[in-house]
Amino acid sequence: MFQEAYAGAFDDADQVIVAAPWDQSGIPEGERFSSTRLVRDLTARGIDALSLPDAEQIAATLAARVLPHDVVAILSNGGFDGLHHRLLDRLEVRFGSP
C-alpha cells in the first residue's frame, strides 16, 4: 500500500537495511510490501541499501558497518526478534561499553 512512498522516506539516509516482511499471506498480492523492490528503488536513488533475512544478520551487518557518532534508526512495529539488544551487544563487543 505504501510501497511507492517508502523510497522517498529514506532520501536522507546514507545506508538502509531492510528486512523481508513477515507473513503477508492475508494481504492481496498487489498490495504486499516488497523489500526487494524497496532496495532496488533506494539503490536507483543513490542510497546504499540491502535486504537481509533476519534480526541476527541485520545486527551483524550493522555492527560491522557502523562508525562512532553514526545515528542508527530501527523502524519496527514490534520487538523484531530482539534486534535492539542483539545490535547493542555486538556494538559493545566492537567498541566497548559507553
N, C-alpha and C. Protein backbone atom coordinates (compact mmCIF):
# COMPACT_ATOMS: atom_id res chain seq x y z
N MET A 1 0.81 -1.19 0.00
CA MET A 1 0.00 0.00 0.00
C MET A 1 0.86 1.27 0.00
N PHE A 2 1.96 1.26 0.73
CA PHE A 2 2.82 2.43 0.81
C PHE A 2 4.15 2.20 0.09
N GLN A 3 4.21 1.22 -0.76
CA GLN A 3 5.46 0.84 -1.44
C GLN A 3 6.12 2.05 -2.10
N GLU A 4 5.37 2.82 -2.84
CA GLU A 4 5.94 3.96 -3.57
C GLU A 4 6.52 5.01 -2.62
N ALA A 5 5.87 5.26 -1.50
CA ALA A 5 6.30 6.31 -0.58
C ALA A 5 7.54 5.93 0.22
N TYR A 6 7.78 4.66 0.42
CA TYR A 6 8.91 4.23 1.25
C TYR A 6 10.25 4.73 0.72
N ALA A 7 10.49 4.63 -0.56
CA ALA A 7 11.79 5.02 -1.11
C ALA A 7 12.09 6.49 -0.79
N GLY A 8 11.14 7.37 -0.98
CA GLY A 8 11.34 8.78 -0.69
C GLY A 8 11.53 9.07 0.79
N ALA A 9 10.98 8.21 1.63
CA ALA A 9 11.12 8.41 3.08
C ALA A 9 12.55 8.25 3.56
N PHE A 10 13.39 7.60 2.76
CA PHE A 10 14.77 7.35 3.15
C PHE A 10 15.77 8.22 2.39
N ASP A 11 15.31 9.28 1.76
CA ASP A 11 16.21 10.11 0.95
C ASP A 11 17.40 10.67 1.72
N ASP A 12 17.27 10.90 3.00
CA ASP A 12 18.38 11.47 3.78
C ASP A 12 19.27 10.41 4.42
N ALA A 13 18.97 9.16 4.19
CA ALA A 13 19.76 8.07 4.79
C ALA A 13 21.02 7.81 3.97
N ASP A 14 22.09 7.45 4.66
CA ASP A 14 23.32 7.04 3.99
C ASP A 14 23.26 5.56 3.63
N GLN A 15 22.68 4.77 4.54
CA GLN A 15 22.56 3.33 4.33
C GLN A 15 21.20 2.88 4.87
N VAL A 16 20.63 1.90 4.20
CA VAL A 16 19.36 1.35 4.64
C VAL A 16 19.44 -0.17 4.57
N ILE A 17 19.05 -0.82 5.65
CA ILE A 17 18.95 -2.28 5.66
C ILE A 17 17.48 -2.60 5.88
N VAL A 18 16.94 -3.39 4.99
CA VAL A 18 15.52 -3.72 5.02
C VAL A 18 15.38 -5.21 5.29
N ALA A 19 14.47 -5.55 6.16
CA ALA A 19 14.17 -6.96 6.43
C ALA A 19 13.03 -7.40 5.53
N ALA A 20 13.04 -8.65 5.18
CA ALA A 20 11.90 -9.21 4.46
C ALA A 20 10.70 -9.16 5.38
N PRO A 21 9.53 -8.82 4.86
CA PRO A 21 8.35 -8.74 5.72
C PRO A 21 7.91 -10.11 6.22
N TRP A 22 7.22 -10.09 7.35
CA TRP A 22 6.64 -11.31 7.89
C TRP A 22 5.56 -11.81 6.97
N ASP A 23 4.89 -12.83 7.35
CA ASP A 23 3.83 -13.46 6.55
C ASP A 23 2.84 -12.43 6.02
N GLN A 24 2.75 -12.34 4.72
CA GLN A 24 1.82 -11.42 4.08
C GLN A 24 0.69 -12.16 3.37
N SER A 25 0.49 -13.42 3.71
CA SER A 25 -0.50 -14.24 3.00
C SER A 25 -1.91 -13.70 3.14
N GLY A 26 -2.18 -12.91 4.18
CA GLY A 26 -3.51 -12.35 4.36
C GLY A 26 -3.71 -11.04 3.61
N ILE A 27 -2.69 -10.61 2.89
CA ILE A 27 -2.76 -9.35 2.15
C ILE A 27 -2.86 -9.68 0.66
N PRO A 28 -3.75 -9.04 -0.07
CA PRO A 28 -3.83 -9.30 -1.50
C PRO A 28 -2.46 -9.08 -2.17
N GLU A 29 -2.12 -9.92 -3.12
CA GLU A 29 -0.80 -9.90 -3.73
C GLU A 29 -0.39 -8.52 -4.25
N GLY A 30 -1.28 -7.80 -4.86
CA GLY A 30 -0.96 -6.48 -5.40
C GLY A 30 -0.72 -5.41 -4.35
N GLU A 31 -1.03 -5.71 -3.09
CA GLU A 31 -0.87 -4.73 -2.01
C GLU A 31 0.27 -5.09 -1.06
N ARG A 32 1.00 -6.15 -1.35
CA ARG A 32 2.07 -6.59 -0.45
C ARG A 32 3.32 -5.73 -0.60
N PHE A 33 4.01 -5.55 0.52
CA PHE A 33 5.28 -4.83 0.53
C PHE A 33 6.37 -5.73 -0.02
N SER A 34 7.25 -5.17 -0.83
CA SER A 34 8.38 -5.91 -1.38
C SER A 34 9.69 -5.27 -0.93
N SER A 35 10.43 -5.96 -0.08
CA SER A 35 11.73 -5.43 0.35
C SER A 35 12.70 -5.40 -0.82
N THR A 36 12.60 -6.36 -1.72
CA THR A 36 13.47 -6.38 -2.91
C THR A 36 13.23 -5.15 -3.76
N ARG A 37 11.99 -4.80 -3.96
CA ARG A 37 11.68 -3.61 -4.75
C ARG A 37 12.16 -2.35 -4.05
N LEU A 38 11.99 -2.26 -2.73
CA LEU A 38 12.45 -1.09 -1.99
C LEU A 38 13.95 -0.94 -2.13
N VAL A 39 14.70 -2.01 -2.00
CA VAL A 39 16.16 -1.94 -2.15
C VAL A 39 16.50 -1.46 -3.56
N ARG A 40 15.84 -1.99 -4.54
CA ARG A 40 16.08 -1.57 -5.93
C ARG A 40 15.78 -0.07 -6.10
N ASP A 41 14.66 0.39 -5.54
CA ASP A 41 14.28 1.80 -5.65
C ASP A 41 15.27 2.71 -4.91
N LEU A 42 15.72 2.29 -3.74
CA LEU A 42 16.69 3.09 -2.99
C LEU A 42 18.03 3.14 -3.71
N THR A 43 18.47 2.02 -4.23
CA THR A 43 19.73 1.98 -4.97
C THR A 43 19.66 2.90 -6.18
N ALA A 44 18.54 2.93 -6.87
CA ALA A 44 18.36 3.81 -8.02
C ALA A 44 18.44 5.28 -7.61
N ARG A 45 18.12 5.57 -6.34
CA ARG A 45 18.20 6.94 -5.82
C ARG A 45 19.59 7.25 -5.27
N GLY A 46 20.52 6.31 -5.38
CA GLY A 46 21.89 6.53 -4.91
C GLY A 46 22.11 6.21 -3.45
N ILE A 47 21.20 5.48 -2.84
CA ILE A 47 21.33 5.12 -1.42
C ILE A 47 21.83 3.70 -1.32
N ASP A 48 22.82 3.49 -0.46
CA ASP A 48 23.36 2.15 -0.19
C ASP A 48 22.28 1.37 0.56
N ALA A 49 21.73 0.36 -0.09
CA ALA A 49 20.62 -0.39 0.51
C ALA A 49 20.78 -1.88 0.26
N LEU A 50 20.34 -2.66 1.25
CA LEU A 50 20.33 -4.10 1.08
C LEU A 50 19.22 -4.70 1.92
N SER A 51 18.83 -5.90 1.57
CA SER A 51 17.80 -6.62 2.29
C SER A 51 18.44 -7.84 2.94
N LEU A 52 18.14 -8.04 4.21
CA LEU A 52 18.66 -9.19 4.94
C LEU A 52 17.49 -9.95 5.56
N PRO A 53 17.65 -11.26 5.73
CA PRO A 53 16.51 -12.09 6.11
C PRO A 53 16.08 -12.07 7.57
N ASP A 54 16.99 -11.71 8.50
CA ASP A 54 16.58 -11.82 9.90
C ASP A 54 17.36 -10.86 10.79
N ALA A 55 16.91 -10.76 12.05
CA ALA A 55 17.50 -9.82 13.01
C ALA A 55 18.97 -10.12 13.28
N GLU A 56 19.36 -11.37 13.31
CA GLU A 56 20.75 -11.73 13.58
C GLU A 56 21.67 -11.20 12.49
N GLN A 57 21.29 -11.39 11.24
CA GLN A 57 22.12 -10.90 10.14
C GLN A 57 22.12 -9.38 10.05
N ILE A 58 21.00 -8.77 10.37
CA ILE A 58 20.94 -7.31 10.38
C ILE A 58 21.85 -6.76 11.47
N ALA A 59 21.80 -7.32 12.67
CA ALA A 59 22.65 -6.86 13.77
C ALA A 59 24.12 -7.04 13.42
N ALA A 60 24.49 -8.17 12.86
CA ALA A 60 25.88 -8.43 12.50
C ALA A 60 26.37 -7.44 11.44
N THR A 61 25.54 -7.19 10.44
CA THR A 61 25.92 -6.27 9.37
C THR A 61 26.03 -4.84 9.87
N LEU A 62 25.04 -4.41 10.66
CA LEU A 62 25.09 -3.06 11.22
C LEU A 62 26.29 -2.86 12.12
N ALA A 63 26.53 -3.81 12.99
CA ALA A 63 27.65 -3.69 13.92
C ALA A 63 28.98 -3.60 13.19
N ALA A 64 29.10 -4.26 12.06
CA ALA A 64 30.34 -4.21 11.28
C ALA A 64 30.48 -2.90 10.51
N ARG A 65 29.37 -2.28 10.15
CA ARG A 65 29.40 -1.08 9.31
C ARG A 65 29.38 0.23 10.09
N VAL A 66 28.75 0.23 11.24
CA VAL A 66 28.52 1.48 11.96
C VAL A 66 29.84 2.06 12.48
N LEU A 67 29.90 3.39 12.48
CA LEU A 67 31.07 4.11 12.99
C LEU A 67 30.66 4.93 14.21
N PRO A 68 31.61 5.28 15.06
CA PRO A 68 31.27 6.13 16.20
C PRO A 68 30.56 7.41 15.71
N HIS A 69 29.56 7.83 16.42
CA HIS A 69 28.77 9.02 16.15
C HIS A 69 27.75 8.84 15.02
N ASP A 70 27.67 7.66 14.42
CA ASP A 70 26.60 7.40 13.46
C ASP A 70 25.27 7.34 14.20
N VAL A 71 24.22 7.66 13.51
CA VAL A 71 22.87 7.55 14.04
C VAL A 71 22.23 6.34 13.38
N VAL A 72 21.74 5.42 14.21
CA VAL A 72 21.06 4.22 13.71
C VAL A 72 19.62 4.30 14.15
N ALA A 73 18.71 4.21 13.20
CA ALA A 73 17.27 4.20 13.50
C ALA A 73 16.72 2.82 13.15
N ILE A 74 16.08 2.20 14.11
CA ILE A 74 15.44 0.91 13.87
C ILE A 74 13.95 1.17 13.83
N LEU A 75 13.36 0.92 12.68
CA LEU A 75 11.93 1.16 12.48
C LEU A 75 11.24 -0.19 12.45
N SER A 76 10.42 -0.44 13.44
CA SER A 76 9.75 -1.73 13.55
C SER A 76 8.45 -1.54 14.31
N ASN A 77 7.48 -2.37 14.00
CA ASN A 77 6.23 -2.30 14.73
C ASN A 77 6.18 -3.30 15.88
N GLY A 78 7.35 -3.77 16.30
CA GLY A 78 7.42 -4.71 17.41
C GLY A 78 8.86 -4.90 17.86
N GLY A 79 9.11 -5.94 18.62
CA GLY A 79 10.44 -6.19 19.15
C GLY A 79 11.44 -6.70 18.13
N PHE A 80 10.97 -7.12 16.98
CA PHE A 80 11.79 -7.57 15.86
C PHE A 80 12.86 -8.57 16.28
N ASP A 81 12.42 -9.61 16.97
CA ASP A 81 13.29 -10.72 17.37
C ASP A 81 14.52 -10.25 18.14
N GLY A 82 14.36 -9.23 18.97
CA GLY A 82 15.45 -8.76 19.82
C GLY A 82 16.53 -8.00 19.10
N LEU A 83 16.22 -7.40 17.96
CA LEU A 83 17.24 -6.69 17.18
C LEU A 83 17.96 -5.63 18.00
N HIS A 84 17.24 -4.88 18.79
CA HIS A 84 17.87 -3.81 19.57
C HIS A 84 18.96 -4.37 20.48
N HIS A 85 18.65 -5.41 21.22
CA HIS A 85 19.62 -6.00 22.14
C HIS A 85 20.75 -6.69 21.39
N ARG A 86 20.42 -7.37 20.31
CA ARG A 86 21.46 -8.03 19.51
C ARG A 86 22.47 -7.00 19.01
N LEU A 87 21.97 -5.89 18.50
CA LEU A 87 22.86 -4.85 17.99
C LEU A 87 23.68 -4.22 19.11
N LEU A 88 23.04 -3.87 20.21
CA LEU A 88 23.78 -3.26 21.32
C LEU A 88 24.86 -4.20 21.85
N ASP A 89 24.56 -5.49 21.95
CA ASP A 89 25.56 -6.46 22.41
C ASP A 89 26.76 -6.50 21.47
N ARG A 90 26.50 -6.50 20.18
CA ARG A 90 27.59 -6.55 19.20
C ARG A 90 28.40 -5.25 19.20
N LEU A 91 27.72 -4.13 19.38
CA LEU A 91 28.44 -2.86 19.42
C LEU A 91 29.31 -2.75 20.66
N GLU A 92 28.83 -3.30 21.77
CA GLU A 92 29.64 -3.30 22.98
C GLU A 92 30.91 -4.14 22.80
N VAL A 93 30.78 -5.24 22.13
CA VAL A 93 31.96 -6.09 21.85
C VAL A 93 32.93 -5.32 20.95
N ARG A 94 32.40 -4.65 19.95
CA ARG A 94 33.25 -3.95 19.00
C ARG A 94 33.89 -2.69 19.57
N PHE A 95 33.11 -1.89 20.31
CA PHE A 95 33.59 -0.59 20.76
C PHE A 95 33.79 -0.49 22.27
N GLY A 96 33.36 -1.49 23.04
CA GLY A 96 33.40 -1.40 24.49
C GLY A 96 32.14 -0.74 25.00
N SER A 97 31.93 -0.75 26.30
CA SER A 97 30.72 -0.15 26.83
C SER A 97 30.88 1.37 26.91
N PRO A 98 29.76 2.09 26.83
CA PRO A 98 29.79 3.55 26.80
C PRO A 98 30.32 4.17 28.06
